[in-house]
Protein backbone atom coordinates (compact mmCIF):
# COMPACT_ATOMS: atom_id res chain seq x y z
CA MET A 1 25.52 5.87 -13.77
CA SER A 2 23.03 8.59 -12.87
CA LEU A 3 19.65 7.68 -11.42
CA ASP A 4 16.81 10.06 -10.63
CA PHE A 5 16.41 8.29 -7.32
CA VAL A 6 13.17 8.62 -5.34
CA PRO A 7 13.40 6.87 -1.94
CA LEU A 8 10.40 4.82 -0.88
CA LYS A 9 9.45 3.23 2.42
CA ASN A 10 9.88 -0.48 2.89
CA PRO A 11 9.14 -2.87 5.76
CA THR A 12 12.79 -3.24 6.72
CA HIS A 13 13.44 0.53 6.79
CA LEU A 14 16.81 -0.10 5.15
CA ALA A 15 18.16 2.45 2.69
CA PRO A 16 18.94 1.15 -0.81
CA VAL A 17 22.56 -0.01 -1.01
CA THR A 18 23.19 -1.75 -4.31
CA THR A 19 22.53 -0.55 -7.83
CA ALA A 20 19.75 -3.14 -8.09
CA ASP A 21 18.16 -1.64 -4.94
CA LYS A 22 18.14 1.82 -6.49
CA VAL A 23 16.75 0.63 -9.82
CA TYR A 24 14.07 -1.37 -8.01
CA GLU A 25 12.97 1.65 -5.97
CA GLN A 26 12.95 3.93 -9.00
CA LEU A 27 10.88 1.52 -11.10
CA LEU A 28 8.61 0.92 -8.10
CA HIS A 29 7.91 4.66 -7.82
CA GLN A 30 7.21 4.98 -11.54
CA ILE A 31 4.83 2.01 -11.61
CA VAL A 32 2.90 2.95 -8.46
CA SER A 33 2.58 6.60 -9.54
CA GLY A 34 1.44 5.61 -13.04
CA LYS A 35 4.43 7.05 -14.87
CA ILE A 36 4.87 3.53 -16.18
CA GLN A 37 1.29 2.66 -17.09
CA ALA A 38 -0.59 -0.41 -15.89
CA GLY A 39 -0.52 -3.18 -18.48
CA SER A 40 2.44 -1.72 -20.37
CA LYS A 41 5.21 -3.99 -21.66
CA ILE A 42 8.63 -3.68 -20.07
CA SER A 43 11.58 -3.70 -22.44
CA GLU A 44 14.64 -5.01 -20.63
CA PRO A 45 17.12 -3.74 -23.27
CA GLU A 46 15.62 -0.23 -23.11
CA LEU A 47 15.63 -0.10 -19.31
CA ALA A 48 19.17 -1.48 -19.06
CA LYS A 49 20.30 1.23 -21.47
CA LYS A 50 18.35 3.96 -19.67
CA PHE A 51 19.81 3.12 -16.27
CA GLU A 52 23.23 2.19 -17.71
CA ILE A 53 23.23 -1.16 -15.96
CA SER A 54 23.71 -4.80 -16.88
CA ARG A 55 20.79 -7.03 -17.76
CA SER A 56 21.54 -9.21 -14.72
CA THR A 57 21.26 -6.18 -12.39
CA LEU A 58 17.99 -5.16 -14.03
CA ARG A 59 16.60 -8.68 -13.69
CA GLU A 60 17.38 -8.63 -9.98
CA ALA A 61 15.27 -5.47 -9.66
CA LEU A 62 12.49 -6.97 -11.80
CA ASN A 63 12.45 -10.11 -9.65
CA ARG A 64 11.69 -7.96 -6.61
CA LEU A 65 8.93 -6.11 -8.46
CA GLU A 66 7.41 -9.46 -9.39
CA LYS A 67 7.38 -10.51 -5.73
CA CYS A 68 5.45 -7.27 -5.00
CA HIS A 69 2.90 -8.36 -7.65
CA LEU A 70 3.58 -5.19 -9.67
CA ILE A 71 4.84 -6.95 -12.79
CA GLU A 72 4.12 -10.25 -14.51
CA ARG A 73 6.82 -12.23 -16.31
CA LYS A 74 6.01 -15.00 -18.78
CA ALA A 75 8.30 -17.23 -20.82
CA ASN A 76 8.60 -16.16 -24.46
CA VAL A 77 6.47 -13.09 -23.70
CA GLY A 78 8.55 -10.98 -21.32
CA SER A 79 7.65 -8.62 -18.51
CA ARG A 80 4.56 -6.47 -18.23
CA VAL A 81 3.15 -4.17 -15.55
CA VAL A 82 0.04 -5.71 -13.99
CA ASP A 83 -3.35 -4.45 -15.10
CA CYS A 84 -5.53 -2.72 -12.51
CA SER A 85 -8.83 -4.56 -12.86
CA ILE A 86 -12.00 -4.16 -10.82
CA GLU A 87 -11.87 -7.87 -9.97
CA GLY A 88 -8.27 -7.56 -8.81
CA LEU A 89 -9.13 -4.56 -6.65
CA LEU A 90 -12.02 -6.32 -4.90
CA GLU A 91 -9.95 -9.47 -4.33
CA LEU A 92 -7.19 -7.33 -2.83
CA TYR A 93 -9.63 -5.71 -0.40
CA ILE A 94 -11.00 -9.09 0.69
CA THR A 95 -7.44 -10.26 1.36
CA ARG A 96 -6.63 -7.07 3.26
CA GLU A 97 -9.76 -7.44 5.37
CA ALA A 98 -8.60 -10.80 6.69
CA LEU A 99 -4.88 -10.10 7.07
CA GLU A 100 -5.10 -6.54 8.39
CA GLY A 101 -7.79 -7.61 10.83
CA MET A 102 -5.33 -10.19 12.14
CA ALA A 103 -2.56 -7.57 12.24
CA CYS A 104 -4.82 -5.27 14.23
CA ARG A 105 -5.50 -7.97 16.82
CA GLN A 106 -1.76 -8.55 17.11
CA ALA A 107 -1.14 -4.80 17.42
CA ALA A 108 -3.49 -4.65 20.41
CA MET A 109 -1.27 -7.26 22.04
CA ASN A 110 2.16 -6.09 20.92
CA MET A 111 2.15 -2.37 20.09
CA THR A 112 4.11 -0.36 22.66
CA ASP A 113 2.66 2.61 24.51
CA ASP A 114 5.06 4.90 22.63
CA GLU A 115 3.88 3.48 19.31
CA ILE A 116 0.26 4.15 20.29
CA VAL A 117 1.14 7.75 21.19
CA SER A 118 2.86 8.09 17.81
CA MET A 119 -0.23 6.75 16.04
CA ARG A 120 -2.46 9.29 17.78
CA GLU A 121 -0.08 12.12 16.89
CA MET A 122 -0.12 10.97 13.28
CA LEU A 123 -3.93 10.96 13.19
CA GLU A 124 -3.94 14.44 14.68
CA GLU A 125 -1.80 15.59 11.75
CA HIS A 126 -4.10 13.80 9.30
CA GLY A 127 -7.06 15.67 10.81
CA LYS A 128 -5.55 18.98 9.70
CA GLN A 129 -5.92 18.14 5.99
CA GLN A 130 -8.32 20.59 4.36
CA ASP A 131 -9.68 17.98 1.93
CA LEU A 132 -10.47 15.75 4.89
CA LYS A 133 -12.19 18.59 6.74
CA ASP A 134 -14.25 19.22 3.61
CA GLY A 135 -15.10 15.50 3.36
CA ILE A 136 -13.55 15.25 -0.13
CA SER A 137 -10.66 12.84 0.37
CA TYR A 138 -8.41 11.32 3.00
CA TYR A 139 -4.94 11.03 1.51
CA GLN A 140 -2.01 9.47 3.34
CA GLU A 141 1.60 9.49 2.22
CA GLU A 142 3.33 6.13 2.19
CA GLY A 143 5.19 4.39 4.96
CA ASP A 144 5.43 5.81 8.45
CA VAL A 145 2.67 8.39 7.90
CA ASP A 146 0.21 5.78 6.59
CA PHE A 147 -2.24 4.54 9.24
CA HIS A 148 -2.51 1.01 7.87
CA TYR A 149 1.25 0.66 7.37
CA LYS A 150 1.94 1.60 10.99
CA ILE A 151 -0.74 -0.74 12.32
CA ILE A 152 0.89 -3.62 10.46
CA LEU A 153 4.34 -2.74 11.80
CA GLY A 154 2.79 -2.42 15.26
CA SER A 155 1.66 -6.03 15.09
CA HIS A 156 5.32 -7.03 15.49
CA ASN A 157 4.42 -10.14 13.49
CA GLN A 158 7.12 -10.50 10.85
CA GLN A 159 5.08 -12.83 8.64
CA LEU A 160 2.24 -10.31 8.42
CA ILE A 161 4.73 -7.49 7.85
CA ASN A 162 6.36 -9.40 5.01
CA LEU A 163 3.00 -10.18 3.39
CA LEU A 164 1.27 -6.82 3.82
CA CYS A 165 4.15 -4.35 3.74
CA GLY A 166 6.46 -6.32 1.50
CA GLN A 167 4.27 -8.10 -1.03
CA LEU A 168 0.98 -6.17 -1.15
CA TYR A 169 1.57 -2.65 0.14
CA HIS A 170 2.70 -0.99 -3.08
CA LEU A 171 0.08 -2.85 -5.13
CA VAL A 172 -2.59 -1.37 -2.85
CA ARG A 173 -1.17 2.12 -3.40
CA MET A 174 -1.05 1.54 -7.14
CA TYR A 175 -4.76 0.68 -7.13
CA ARG A 176 -5.58 3.71 -4.99
CA ILE A 177 -3.87 6.04 -7.45
CA GLN A 178 -5.34 4.23 -10.47
CA PHE A 179 -8.92 4.49 -9.19
CA GLY A 180 -8.61 7.91 -7.55
CA MET A 181 -8.39 9.20 -3.98
CA LYS A 182 -11.76 10.94 -3.62
CA SER A 183 -14.30 9.19 -1.43
CA SER A 184 -17.59 10.00 0.20
CA ARG A 185 -16.26 7.99 3.17
CA ALA A 186 -13.32 10.33 3.89
CA THR A 187 -14.63 11.73 7.18
CA ARG A 188 -16.07 8.42 8.30
CA ALA A 189 -12.85 6.57 7.49
CA PHE A 190 -10.88 9.01 9.64
CA GLN A 191 -13.28 8.46 12.54
CA GLU A 192 -12.93 4.70 12.14
CA HIS A 193 -9.14 5.04 12.37
CA SER A 194 -9.54 6.79 15.71
CA GLN A 195 -11.85 4.04 16.98
CA ILE A 196 -9.36 1.37 15.95
CA ILE A 197 -6.52 3.09 17.80
CA GLN A 198 -8.69 3.38 20.92
CA ALA A 199 -9.37 -0.38 20.82
CA ILE A 200 -5.65 -1.03 20.49
CA ALA A 201 -4.89 1.33 23.38
CA ASP A 202 -7.48 -0.57 25.45
CA ARG A 203 -5.66 -3.80 24.52
CA ASP A 204 -8.94 -5.19 23.18
CA GLY A 205 -7.69 -7.39 20.35
CA GLU A 206 -11.10 -8.83 19.49
CA LEU A 207 -12.66 -5.38 19.08
CA ALA A 208 -9.61 -4.03 17.22
CA GLU A 209 -9.82 -6.87 14.68
CA PHE A 210 -13.57 -6.42 14.27
CA LEU A 211 -13.24 -2.67 13.70
CA MET A 212 -10.44 -3.06 11.15
CA ARG A 213 -12.29 -5.74 9.22
CA ARG A 214 -15.47 -3.61 9.18
CA HIS A 215 -13.44 -0.56 8.15
CA ILE A 216 -11.89 -2.28 5.12
CA ALA A 217 -15.17 -4.02 4.23
CA ALA A 218 -16.93 -0.64 4.21
CA SER A 219 -14.33 0.72 1.79
CA ARG A 220 -14.81 -2.29 -0.46
CA LYS A 221 -18.59 -1.89 -0.44
CA ASN A 222 -18.16 1.79 -1.28
CA ILE A 223 -16.07 0.81 -4.29
CA GLU A 224 -18.65 -1.78 -5.36
CA ARG A 225 -21.38 0.87 -5.10
CA LYS A 226 -19.40 3.29 -7.27
CA ILE A 227 -18.83 0.58 -9.86
CA ALA A 228 -22.54 -0.24 -9.94
CA GLU A 229 -23.40 3.44 -10.39
CA GLN A 230 -20.96 3.73 -13.30
CA ILE A 231 -22.47 0.69 -14.99
CA GLU A 232 -25.98 2.09 -14.61
CA ASN A 233 -24.91 5.42 -16.10
């Protein structure tokens, strides 16, 4: 079997081992990037033939994608990639606001000094992006170079890590790609990241949670404003 394998980050940091792992990661990449379009039907016979694997191995990979909320599976209907709806996006941001705020409070308590230094070094690298300097967009690669991902890991709370990095992380990235990366908040969002890290470094959990919740709420309101403008036009 030959797979065009594209490794992706995951909350356990474990490299794919089994064939099902590799198929899962490949399908994950294609769904998140839009190569497999939102709302499209998934043909198990076609995929099993494409990857030269058994249906049982494919179903194992699809089960994991379902747990990440990237596909829906219904009896007598089959599997389908989730649709990226405005309602779903706003609900996702409301959920993130609560859970990532909690993760940020935990990070202020549990993140090590070395992890904080690493976060600041990462933000320094982010600040070199030309699009960010121009205020056009603030793009972050996935995993260990993603501010939000590292905050969640820094909480050292496995339940939050499982929920946010395991179940919701790739769905968030799928929505970001689907709705575009450009934002009038690019520069402001970067500044807010720096403020959040400072609160964590000061071990001020209450402030860290407040700043993270306000940060995500501001992004949601920006999305709502864009939607309203599109409706008016």
